[in-house]
Each structure stands twice: as C-alpha cells, then as structure tokens.
PDB file of N, CA and C in Angstrom:
ATOM      1  N   UNK A   1      98.662 104.397  71.322  1.00  0.00           N
ATOM      2  CA  UNK A   1      99.270 104.201  71.950  1.00  0.00           C
ATOM      3  C   UNK A   1     100.270 102.669  71.154  1.00  0.00           C
ATOM      4  N   UNK A   2     101.285 103.335  71.094  1.00  0.00           N
ATOM      5  CA  UNK A   2     102.530 101.858  70.678  1.00  0.00           C
ATOM      6  C   UNK A   2     102.249 100.549  71.231  1.00  0.00           C
ATOM      7  N   UNK A   3     102.359  99.802  70.521  1.00  0.00           N
ATOM      8  CA  UNK A   3     102.341  97.808  70.785  1.00  0.00           C
ATOM      9  C   UNK A   3     103.314  97.413  70.928  1.00  0.00           C
ATOM     10  N   UNK A   4     104.286  96.745  71.532  1.00  0.00           N
ATOM     11  CA  UNK A   4     105.561  96.074  71.336  1.00  0.00           C
ATOM     12  C   UNK A   4     104.697  94.855  70.578  1.00  0.00           C
ATOM     13  N   UNK A   5     103.609  94.309  70.996  1.00  0.00           N
ATOM     14  CA  UNK A   5     103.399  93.145  70.236  1.00  0.00           C
ATOM     15  C   UNK A   5     101.952  92.863  69.280  1.00  0.00           C
ATOM     16  N   UNK A   6     102.061  93.267  68.389  1.00  0.00           N
ATOM     17  CA  UNK A   6     100.369  93.921  67.301  1.00  0.00           C
ATOM     18  C   UNK A   6      99.197  92.609  67.704  1.00  0.00           C
ATOM     19  N   UNK A   7      99.718  91.545  67.527  1.00  0.00           N
ATOM     20  CA  UNK A   7      99.295  90.429  67.354  1.00  0.00           C
ATOM     21  C   UNK A   7      98.808  89.461  68.153  1.00  0.00           C
ATOM     22  N   UNK A   8      99.028  89.874  69.702  1.00  0.00           N
ATOM     23  CA  UNK A   8      98.118  89.264  70.418  1.00  0.00           C
ATOM     24  C   UNK A   8      97.325  89.368  70.770  1.00  0.00           C
ATOM     25  N   UNK A   9      96.582  88.044  71.254  1.00  0.00           N
ATOM     26  CA  UNK A   9      94.983  87.934  71.678  1.00  0.00           C
ATOM     27  C   UNK A   9      94.946  88.273  73.144  1.00  0.00           C
ATOM     28  N   UNK A  10      93.706  88.784  73.681  1.00  0.00           N
ATOM     29  CA  UNK A  10      92.773  88.827  74.937  1.00  0.00           C
ATOM     30  C   UNK A  10      93.223  87.865  75.964  1.00  0.00           C
ATOM     31  N   UNK A  11      93.056  86.626  75.445  1.00  0.00           N
ATOM     32  CA  UNK A  11      93.392  85.360  75.930  1.00  0.00           C
ATOM     33  C   UNK A  11      95.203  85.563  76.233  1.00  0.00           C
ATOM     34  N   UNK A  12      95.231  85.671  75.233  1.00  0.00           N
ATOM     35  CA  UNK A  12      96.647  85.699  75.698  1.00  0.00           C
ATOM     36  C   UNK A  12      97.874  86.724  76.698  1.00  0.00           C
ATOM     37  N   UNK A  13      96.689  87.669  76.228  1.00  0.00           N
ATOM     38  CA  UNK A  13      97.175  88.826  77.305  1.00  0.00           C
ATOM     39  C   UNK A  13      97.032  88.572  78.680  1.00  0.00           C
ATOM     40  N   UNK A  14      95.430  88.074  78.794  1.00  0.00           N
ATOM     41  CA  UNK A  14      95.447  87.450  79.848  1.00  0.00           C
ATOM     42  C   UNK A  14      95.946  86.644  80.599  1.00  0.00           C
ATOM     43  N   UNK A  15      96.547  85.528  80.097  1.00  0.00           N
ATOM     44  CA  UNK A  15      97.498  84.424  80.503  1.00  0.00           C
ATOM     45  C   UNK A  15      98.924  85.152  81.129  1.00  0.00           C
ATOM     46  N   UNK A  16      99.223  86.499  80.158  1.00  0.00           N
ATOM     47  CA  UNK A  16     100.472  86.808  81.047  1.00  0.00           C
ATOM     48  C   UNK A  16     100.408  87.162  82.156  1.00  0.00           C
ATOM     49  N   UNK A  17      99.038  87.869  82.330  1.00  0.00           N
ATOM     50  CA  UNK A  17      98.169  88.537  83.533  1.00  0.00           C
ATOM     51  C   UNK A  17      99.073  87.626  84.229  1.00  0.00           C
ATOM     52  N   UNK A  18      98.240  86.351  84.014  1.00  0.00           N
ATOM     53  CA  UNK A  18      97.618  85.213  84.736  1.00  0.00           C
ATOM     54  C   UNK A  18      99.380  84.932  85.589  1.00  0.00           C
ATOM     55  N   UNK A  19      99.985  84.658  84.254  1.00  0.00           N
ATOM     56  CA  UNK A  19     101.464  84.090  84.624  1.00  0.00           C
ATOM     57  C   UNK A  19     102.165  84.790  85.437  1.00  0.00           C
ATOM     58  N   UNK A  20     102.078  86.202  85.332  1.00  0.00           N
ATOM     59  CA  UNK A  20     102.921  87.198  86.702  1.00  0.00           C
ATOM     60  C   UNK A  20     102.819  87.246  87.791  1.00  0.00           C
ATOM     61  N   UNK A  21     101.091  86.977  87.942  1.00  0.00           N
ATOM     62  CA  UNK A  21     100.463  86.510  89.507  1.00  0.00           C
ATOM     63  C   UNK A  21     100.682  85.485  90.018  1.00  0.00           C
ATOM     64  N   UNK A  22     100.942  84.777  89.451  1.00  0.00           N
ATOM     65  CA  UNK A  22     101.586  83.246  89.697  1.00  0.00           C
ATOM     66  C   UNK A  22     100.187  82.608  90.017  1.00  0.00           C
ATOM     67  N   UNK A  23      99.314  82.344  89.249  1.00  0.00           N
ATOM     68  CA  UNK A  23      98.276  81.760  89.270  1.00  0.00           C
ATOM     69  C   UNK A  23      97.725  81.128  87.600  1.00  0.00           C
ATOM     70  N   UNK A  24      96.982  80.052  87.927  1.00  0.00           N
ATOM     71  CA  UNK A  24      96.545  79.924  86.951  1.00  0.00           C
ATOM     72  C   UNK A  24      95.231  80.310  86.170  1.00  0.00           C
ATOM     73  N   UNK A  25      95.632  80.805  84.650  1.00  0.00           N
ATOM     74  CA  UNK A  25      94.148  81.430  84.217  1.00  0.00           C
ATOM     75  C   UNK A  25      92.999  80.622  84.353  1.00  0.00           C
ATOM     76  N   UNK A  26      92.062  81.354  84.738  1.00  0.00           N
ATOM     77  CA  UNK A  26      90.726  81.388  84.693  1.00  0.00           C
ATOM     78  C   UNK A  26      90.118  82.404  83.928  1.00  0.00           C
ATOM     79  N   UNK A  27      89.693  82.228  82.209  1.00  0.00           N
ATOM     80  CA  UNK A  27      89.438  83.017  81.525  1.00  0.00           C
ATOM     81  C   UNK A  27      88.056  82.307  80.728  1.00  0.00           C
ATOM     82  N   UNK A  28      87.138  82.801  80.159  1.00  0.00           N
ATOM     83  CA  UNK A  28      85.925  82.678  79.271  1.00  0.00           C
ATOM     84  C   UNK A  28      85.905  83.906  78.825  1.00  0.00           C
ATOM     85  N   UNK A  29      84.487  83.659  77.569  1.00  0.00           N
ATOM     86  CA  UNK A  29      84.118  84.889  77.223  1.00  0.00           C
ATOM     87  C   UNK A  29      82.642  84.903  77.749  1.00  0.00           C
ATOM     88  N   UNK A  30      82.165  85.546  77.341  1.00  0.00           N
ATOM     89  CA  UNK A  30      80.513  85.755  76.727  1.00  0.00           C
ATOM     90  C   UNK A  30      80.096  86.403  75.857  1.00  0.00           C
ATOM     91  N   UNK A  31      79.101  85.891  74.853  1.00  0.00           N
ATOM     92  CA  UNK A  31      78.491  86.118  73.773  1.00  0.00           C
ATOM     93  C   UNK A  31      77.399  87.571  73.838  1.00  0.00           C
ATOM     94  N   UNK A  32      77.474  87.574  72.832  1.00  0.00           N
ATOM     95  CA  UNK A  32      76.087  89.060  72.577  1.00  0.00           C
ATOM     96  C   UNK A  32      74.561  88.534  73.235  1.00  0.00           C
ATOM     97  N   UNK A  33      74.240  87.283  72.873  1.00  0.00           N
ATOM     98  CA  UNK A  33      73.335  86.890  73.882  1.00  0.00           C
ATOM     99  C   UNK A  33      73.090  87.382  75.594  1.00  0.00           C
ATOM    100  N   UNK A  34      74.335  86.811  75.375  1.00  0.00           N
ATOM    101  CA  UNK A  34      74.554  86.606  77.205  1.00  0.00           C
ATOM    102  C   UNK A  34      74.853  88.463  77.867  1.00  0.00           C
ATOM    103  N   UNK A  35      75.304  89.205  76.922  1.00  0.00           N
ATOM    104  CA  UNK A  35      75.846  90.207  77.398  1.00  0.00           C
ATOM    105  C   UNK A  35      74.356  91.199  77.559  1.00  0.00           C
ATOM    106  N   UNK A  36      73.905  90.818  76.231  1.00  0.00           N
ATOM    107  CA  UNK A  36      71.993  91.789  75.858  1.00  0.00           C
ATOM    108  C   UNK A  36      71.064  91.263  77.726  1.00  0.00           C
ATOM    109  N   UNK A  37      71.673  89.869  78.009  1.00  0.00           N
ATOM    110  CA  UNK A  37      70.798  89.582  78.891  1.00  0.00           C
ATOM    111  C   UNK A  37      71.357  90.087  80.100  1.00  0.00           C
ATOM    112  N   UNK A  38      72.269  90.361  80.534  1.00  0.00           N
ATOM    113  CA  UNK A  38      73.181  90.834  81.498  1.00  0.00           C
ATOM    114  C   UNK A  38      72.921  92.098  81.786  1.00  0.00           C
ATOM    115  N   UNK A  39      72.919  92.705  80.325  1.00  0.00           N
ATOM    116  CA  UNK A  39      72.473  94.174  80.102  1.00  0.00           C
ATOM    117  C   UNK A  39      71.447  94.210  80.721  1.00  0.00           C
ATOM    118  N   UNK A  40      70.495  93.688  80.594  1.00  0.00           N
ATOM    119  CA  UNK A  40      68.732  94.194  81.592  1.00  0.00           C
ATOM    120  C   UNK A  40      69.405  94.576  83.212  1.00  0.00           C
ATOM    121  N   UNK A  41      70.408  93.961  83.717  1.00  0.00           N
ATOM    122  CA  UNK A  41      70.178  94.247  85.024  1.00  0.00           C
ATOM    123  C   UNK A  41      71.865  94.774  85.430  1.00  0.00           C
ATOM    124  N   UNK A  42      72.803  94.991  84.513  1.00  0.00           N
ATOM    125  CA  UNK A  42      73.504  95.780  84.855  1.00  0.00           C
ATOM    126  C   UNK A  42      73.936  96.978  83.582  1.00  0.00           C
ATOM    127  N   UNK A  43      73.147  97.969  83.645  1.00  0.00           N
ATOM    128  CA  UNK A  43      73.017  98.904  82.169  1.00  0.00           C
ATOM    129  C   UNK A  43      74.561  99.048  81.304  1.00  0.00           C
ATOM    130  N   UNK A  44      75.701  99.417  82.635  1.00  0.00           N
ATOM    131  CA  UNK A  44      77.338  99.816  81.931  1.00  0.00           C
ATOM    132  C   UNK A  44      77.464  98.505  81.024  1.00  0.00           C
ATOM    133  N   UNK A  45      77.231  97.400  81.513  1.00  0.00           N
ATOM    134  CA  UNK A  45      77.100  95.547  80.051  1.00  0.00           C
ATOM    135  C   UNK A  45      76.543  96.280  79.200  1.00  0.00           C
ATOM    136  N   UNK A  46      75.808  96.376  78.816  1.00  0.00           N
ATOM    137  CA  UNK A  46      74.485  96.521  77.803  1.00  0.00           C
ATOM    138  C   UNK A  46      75.456  97.800  76.749  1.00  0.00           C
ATOM    139  N   UNK A  47      76.462  98.545  77.365  1.00  0.00           N
ATOM    140  CA  UNK A  47      76.869  99.469  76.516  1.00  0.00           C
ATOM    141  C   UNK A  47      78.332  98.523  75.719  1.00  0.00           C
ATOM    142  N   UNK A  48      78.680  97.393  76.372  1.00  0.00           N
ATOM    143  CA  UNK A  48      80.033  96.725  76.058  1.00  0.00           C
ATOM    144  C   UNK A  48      79.140  96.246  74.267  1.00  0.00           C
ATOM    145  N   UNK A  49      77.549  95.913  74.288  1.00  0.00           N
ATOM    146  CA  UNK A  49      77.190  95.401  73.024  1.00  0.00           C
ATOM    147  C   UNK A  49      77.712  96.158  71.978  1.00  0.00           C
ATOM    148  N   UNK A  50      78.014  97.511  72.082  1.00  0.00           N
ATOM    149  CA  UNK A  50      78.859  98.079  71.104  1.00  0.00           C
ATOM    150  C   UNK A  50      79.871  97.884  70.665  1.00  0.00           C
ATOM    151  N   UNK A  51      80.651  97.285  71.389  1.00  0.00           N
ATOM    152  CA  UNK A  51      81.727  97.185  71.276  1.00  0.00           C
ATOM    153  C   UNK A  51      82.557  95.978  70.581  1.00  0.00           C
ATOM    154  N   UNK A  52      81.515  95.251  70.651  1.00  0.00           N
ATOM    155  CA  UNK A  52      81.667  93.534  70.408  1.00  0.00           C
ATOM    156  C   UNK A  52      82.045  93.103  69.071  1.00  0.00           C
ATOM    157  N   UNK A  53      82.441  94.310  68.105  1.00  0.00           N
ATOM    158  CA  UNK A  53      83.011  94.032  67.017  1.00  0.00           C
ATOM    159  C   UNK A  53      84.328  93.928  67.043  1.00  0.00           C
ATOM    160  N   UNK A  54      84.949  94.757  68.107  1.00  0.00           N
ATOM    161  CA  UNK A  54      86.659  95.060  68.659  1.00  0.00           C
ATOM    162  C   UNK A  54      86.542  93.111  68.502  1.00  0.00           C
ATOM    163  N   UNK A  55      85.829  92.197  68.972  1.00  0.00           N
ATOM    164  CA  UNK A  55      86.735  91.156  69.452  1.00  0.00           C
ATOM    165  C   UNK A  55      85.699  89.651  69.046  1.00  0.00           C
ATOM    166  N   UNK A  56      85.384  90.668  67.408  1.00  0.00           N
ATOM    167  CA  UNK A  56      85.117  89.131  67.168  1.00  0.00           C
ATOM    168  C   UNK A  56      85.793  88.943  65.585  1.00  0.00           C
ATOM    169  N   UNK A  57      86.432  89.567  65.289  1.00  0.00           N
ATOM    170  CA  UNK A  57      87.680  89.424  64.385  1.00  0.00           C
ATOM    171  C   UNK A  57      88.861  89.683  64.359  1.00  0.00           C
ATOM    172  N   UNK A  58      90.355  89.450  64.016  1.00  0.00           N
ATOM    173  CA  UNK A  58      90.989  90.352  64.690  1.00  0.00           C
ATOM    174  C   UNK A  58      91.548  91.610  64.688  1.00  0.00           C
ATOM    175  N   UNK A  59      91.702  92.270  65.951  1.00  0.00           N
ATOM    176  CA  UNK A  59      92.285  93.611  66.056  1.00  0.00           C
ATOM    177  C   UNK A  59      94.040  93.853  66.024  1.00  0.00           C
ATOM    178  N   UNK A  60      94.187  93.913  65.153  1.00  0.00           N
ATOM    179  CA  UNK A  60      95.673  94.302  64.987  1.00  0.00           C
ATOM    180  C   UNK A  60      95.922  95.573  65.287  1.00  0.00           C
ATOM    181  N   UNK A  61      97.001  95.924  66.480  1.00  0.00           N
ATOM    182  CA  UNK A  61      97.981  97.287  66.515  1.00  0.00           C
ATOM    183  C   UNK A  61      98.703  97.836  65.768  1.00  0.00           C
ATOM    184  N   UNK A  62      98.853  98.643  65.010  1.00  0.00           N
ATOM    185  CA  UNK A  62     100.008  98.577  64.363  1.00  0.00           C
ATOM    186  C   UNK A  62     100.493 100.280  64.722  1.00  0.00           C
ATOM    187  N   UNK A  63     101.449 100.467  65.317  1.00  0.00           N
ATOM    188  CA  UNK A  63     102.155 101.811  65.869  1.00  0.00           C
ATOM    189  C   UNK A  63     103.207 102.459  65.157  1.00  0.00           C
ATOM    190  N   UNK A  64     103.443 101.682  64.287  1.00  0.00           N
ATOM    191  CA  UNK A  64     104.585 102.252  63.568  1.00  0.00           C
ATOM    192  C   UNK A  64     104.673 103.808  62.923  1.00  0.00           C
ATOM    193  N   UNK A  65     103.542 104.615  62.989  1.00  0.00           N
ATOM    194  CA  UNK A  65     103.227 105.845  62.314  1.00  0.00           C
ATOM    195  C   UNK A  65     103.655 106.463  63.647  1.00  0.00           C
ATOM    196  N   UNK A  66     103.029 105.870  65.244  1.00  0.00           N
ATOM    197  CA  UNK A  66     103.528 106.864  66.013  1.00  0.00           C
ATOM    198  C   UNK A  66     104.400 107.033  66.506  1.00  0.00           C
ATOM    199  N   UNK A  67     105.274 105.524  66.437  1.00  0.00           N
ATOM    200  CA  UNK A  67     106.461 105.552  66.803  1.00  0.00           C
ATOM    201  C   UNK A  67     107.556 106.644  65.994  1.00  0.00           C
ATOM    202  N   UNK A  68     107.216 106.273  64.551  1.00  0.00           N
ATOM    203  CA  UNK A  68     107.834 107.821  63.662  1.00  0.00           C
ATOM    204  C   UNK A  68     107.539 108.438  63.894  1.00  0.00           C
ATOM    205  N   UNK A  69     106.427 109.489  64.316  1.00  0.00           N
ATOM    206  CA  UNK A  69     105.747 110.846  64.697  1.00  0.00           C
ATOM    207  C   UNK A  69     107.125 111.084  66.021  1.00  0.00           C
ATOM    208  N   UNK A  70     106.831 110.268  67.036  1.00  0.00           N
ATOM    209  CA  UNK A  70     107.123 110.866  68.192  1.00  0.00           C
ATOM    210  C   UNK A  70     108.134 110.334  69.279  1.00  0.00           C
ATOM    211  N   UNK A  71     108.685 108.951  68.010  1.00  0.00           N
ATOM    212  CA  UNK A  71     110.146 108.858  68.647  1.00  0.00           C
ATOM    213  C   UNK A  71     110.012 107.948  69.702  1.00  0.00           C
ATOM    214  N   UNK A  72     108.476 107.275  70.017  1.00  0.00           N
ATOM    215  CA  UNK A  72     108.337 106.660  71.418  1.00  0.00           C
ATOM    216  C   UNK A  72     108.293 104.915  70.609  1.00  0.00           C
ATOM    217  N   UNK A  73     108.754 103.758  71.838  1.00  0.00           N
ATOM    218  CA  UNK A  73     108.968 102.900  71.399  1.00  0.00           C
ATOM    219  C   UNK A  73     108.369 102.003  72.480  1.00  0.00           C
ATOM    220  N   UNK A  74     107.332 101.050  72.302  1.00  0.00           N
ATOM    221  CA  UNK A  74     106.870 100.560  73.424  1.00  0.00           C
ATOM    222  C   UNK A  74     107.066  99.872  74.240  1.00  0.00           C
ATOM    223  N   UNK A  75     106.935  99.840  75.767  1.00  0.00           N
ATOM    224  CA  UNK A  75     106.829  98.703  76.901  1.00  0.00           C
ATOM    225  C   UNK A  75     107.092  97.662  76.404  1.00  0.00           C
ATOM    226  N   UNK A  76     107.549  96.290  76.380  1.00  0.00           N
ATOM    227  CA  UNK A  76     107.578  95.193  76.306  1.00  0.00           C
ATOM    228  C   UNK A  76     106.309  94.620  76.984  1.00  0.00           C
ATOM    229  N   UNK A  77     105.533  94.115  76.880  1.00  0.00           N
ATOM    230  CA  UNK A  77     104.430  93.859  77.515  1.00  0.00           C
ATOM    231  C   UNK A  77     104.270  93.371  78.243  1.00  0.00           C
ATOM    232  N   UNK A  78     105.194  92.373  78.526  1.00  0.00           N
ATOM    233  CA  UNK A  78     105.778  91.566  79.716  1.00  0.00           C
ATOM    234  C   UNK A  78     106.303  92.582  80.904  1.00  0.00           C
ATOM    235  N   UNK A  79     107.088  93.553  80.441  1.00  0.00           N
ATOM    236  CA  UNK A  79     107.289  93.890  81.418  1.00  0.00           C
ATOM    237  C   UNK A  79     106.306  95.259  81.747  1.00  0.00           C
ATOM    238  N   UNK A  80     105.716  95.843  80.775  1.00  0.00           N
ATOM    239  CA  UNK A  80     104.510  96.674  81.736  1.00  0.00           C
ATOM    240  C   UNK A  80     103.528  96.165  82.195  1.00  0.00           C
ATOM    241  N   UNK A  81     103.602  94.528  82.303  1.00  0.00           N
ATOM    242  CA  UNK A  81     102.774  93.878  83.256  1.00  0.00           C
ATOM    243  C   UNK A  81     103.402  93.107  84.547  1.00  0.00           C
ATOM    244  N   UNK A  82     104.511  93.026  84.500  1.00  0.00           N
ATOM    245  CA  UNK A  82     104.973  93.189  85.551  1.00  0.00           C
ATOM    246  C   UNK A  82     105.292  94.376  86.628  1.00  0.00           C
ATOM    247  N   UNK A  83     105.439  95.587  86.084  1.00  0.00           N
ATOM    248  CA  UNK A  83     105.666  96.914  86.566  1.00  0.00           C
ATOM    249  C   UNK A  83     104.002  96.820  87.106  1.00  0.00           C
ATOM    250  N   UNK A  84     103.072  96.984  86.672  1.00  0.00           N
ATOM    251  CA  UNK A  84     101.931  97.148  87.198  1.00  0.00           C
ATOM    252  C   UNK A  84     101.285  96.163  88.030  1.00  0.00           C
ATOM    253  N   UNK A  85     101.758  95.157  88.136  1.00  0.00           N
ATOM    254  CA  UNK A  85     101.559  94.322  89.178  1.00  0.00           C
ATOM    255  C   UNK A  85     102.134  94.548  90.588  1.00  0.00           C
ATOM    256  N   UNK A  86     103.501  95.004  90.400  1.00  0.00           N
ATOM    257  CA  UNK A  86     104.405  95.303  91.436  1.00  0.00           C
ATOM    258  C   UNK A  86     103.471  96.462  92.132  1.00  0.00           C
ATOM    259  N   UNK A  87     103.098  97.532  91.313  1.00  0.00           N
ATOM    260  CA  UNK A  87     103.101  98.570  91.967  1.00  0.00           C
ATOM    261  C   UNK A  87     100.896  98.116  92.680  1.00  0.00           C
ATOM    262  N   UNK A  88     100.601  97.454  92.051  1.00  0.00           N
ATOM    263  CA  UNK A  88      99.316  97.064  92.848  1.00  0.00           C
ATOM    264  C   UNK A  88      99.535  96.467  94.031  1.00  0.00           C
ATOM    265  N   UNK A  89     100.840  95.070  94.091  1.00  0.00           N
ATOM    266  CA  UNK A  89     101.235  94.755  95.445  1.00  0.00           C
ATOM    267  C   UNK A  89     101.509  95.379  96.400  1.00  0.00           C
ATOM    268  N   UNK A  90     102.494  96.664  95.913  1.00  0.00           N
ATOM    269  CA  UNK A  90     102.775  97.595  96.645  1.00  0.00           C
ATOM    270  C   UNK A  90     101.147  99.633  97.403  1.00  0.00           C
ATOM    271  N   UNK A  91     100.182  98.687  96.485  1.00  0.00           N
ATOM    272  CA  UNK A  91      99.040  99.582  97.176  1.00  0.00           C
ATOM    273  C   UNK A  91      98.329  98.683  97.178  1.00  0.00           C
ATOM    274  N   UNK A  92      97.807  97.839  97.790  1.00  0.00           N
ATOM    275  CA  UNK A  92      97.307  96.562  98.428  1.00  0.00           C
ATOM    276  C   UNK A  92      95.751  97.722  98.727  1.00  0.00           C
ATOM    277  N   UNK A  93      95.382  99.080  99.214  1.00  0.00           N
ATOM    278  CA  UNK A  93      94.425  99.685  99.754  1.00  0.00           C
ATOM    279  C   UNK A  93      93.630 100.186  98.352  1.00  0.00           C
ATOM    280  N   UNK A  94      94.390 100.408  97.726  1.00  0.00           N
ATOM    281  CA  UNK A  94      93.435 101.159  96.296  1.00  0.00           C
ATOM    282  C   UNK A  94      93.101 100.348  95.338  1.00  0.00           C
ATOM    283  N   UNK A  95      91.759 100.542  94.938  1.00  0.00           N
ATOM    284  CA  UNK A  95      90.413  99.455  94.566  1.00  0.00           C
ATOM    285  C   UNK A  95      89.987 100.402  93.141  1.00  0.00           C
ATOM    286  N   UNK A  96      90.166  99.769  92.328  1.00  0.00           N
ATOM    287  CA  UNK A  96      89.334 100.264  91.142  1.00  0.00           C
ATOM    288  C   UNK A  96      88.303 101.095  90.893  1.00  0.00           C
TER     289      UNK A  96
END
C-alpha cells in the first residue's frame, strides 16, 4: 500500500490519532516477555510474538514502485485519520 510518510513511528501515528480526536495521548509498549505471559490467557496475543520483529527495528515502507506501477499516490496520513475518525463519529453503533 502507498504511504505518504514512510518513516513515521507507531507512537507518532498514535499521537496523530489522539490529536484528531482531541484527547491527550496515552500510549505504552509491551515487550516480548509480557506478551508471552498475556498470551497464556489470551491466545490471539500469543500470535503477536511472531511479528515482534516489525517493532524492534525501523520498519520503512517505500511505496515508490507501487506508485509507478499503478499510478496511485497515498492519501496524506492526517487526511486519512481525519476521514476515519469522522466515519466512526457518524457510525457510533458500529463496533470493531
């Protein structure tokens, strides 16, 4: 998928979401050990350990080949977050 900001961290992304909804950011991390312990009681969490490598080192998305091949340019992250939050506000009964 195209990305307009390939070097944004998960924390920065979360902060953008909190900024859009008008709340102070409340973000924390969980390490492998804690995921392993939680995974004992919550099986889907156990599977998260398999993708921890994505969060241990920078994960840079380069969509230049996709953009050249399909002529699609990514929607700016702020615009996408704004549209997503607006949709959820208009559909309060929809649960994830």
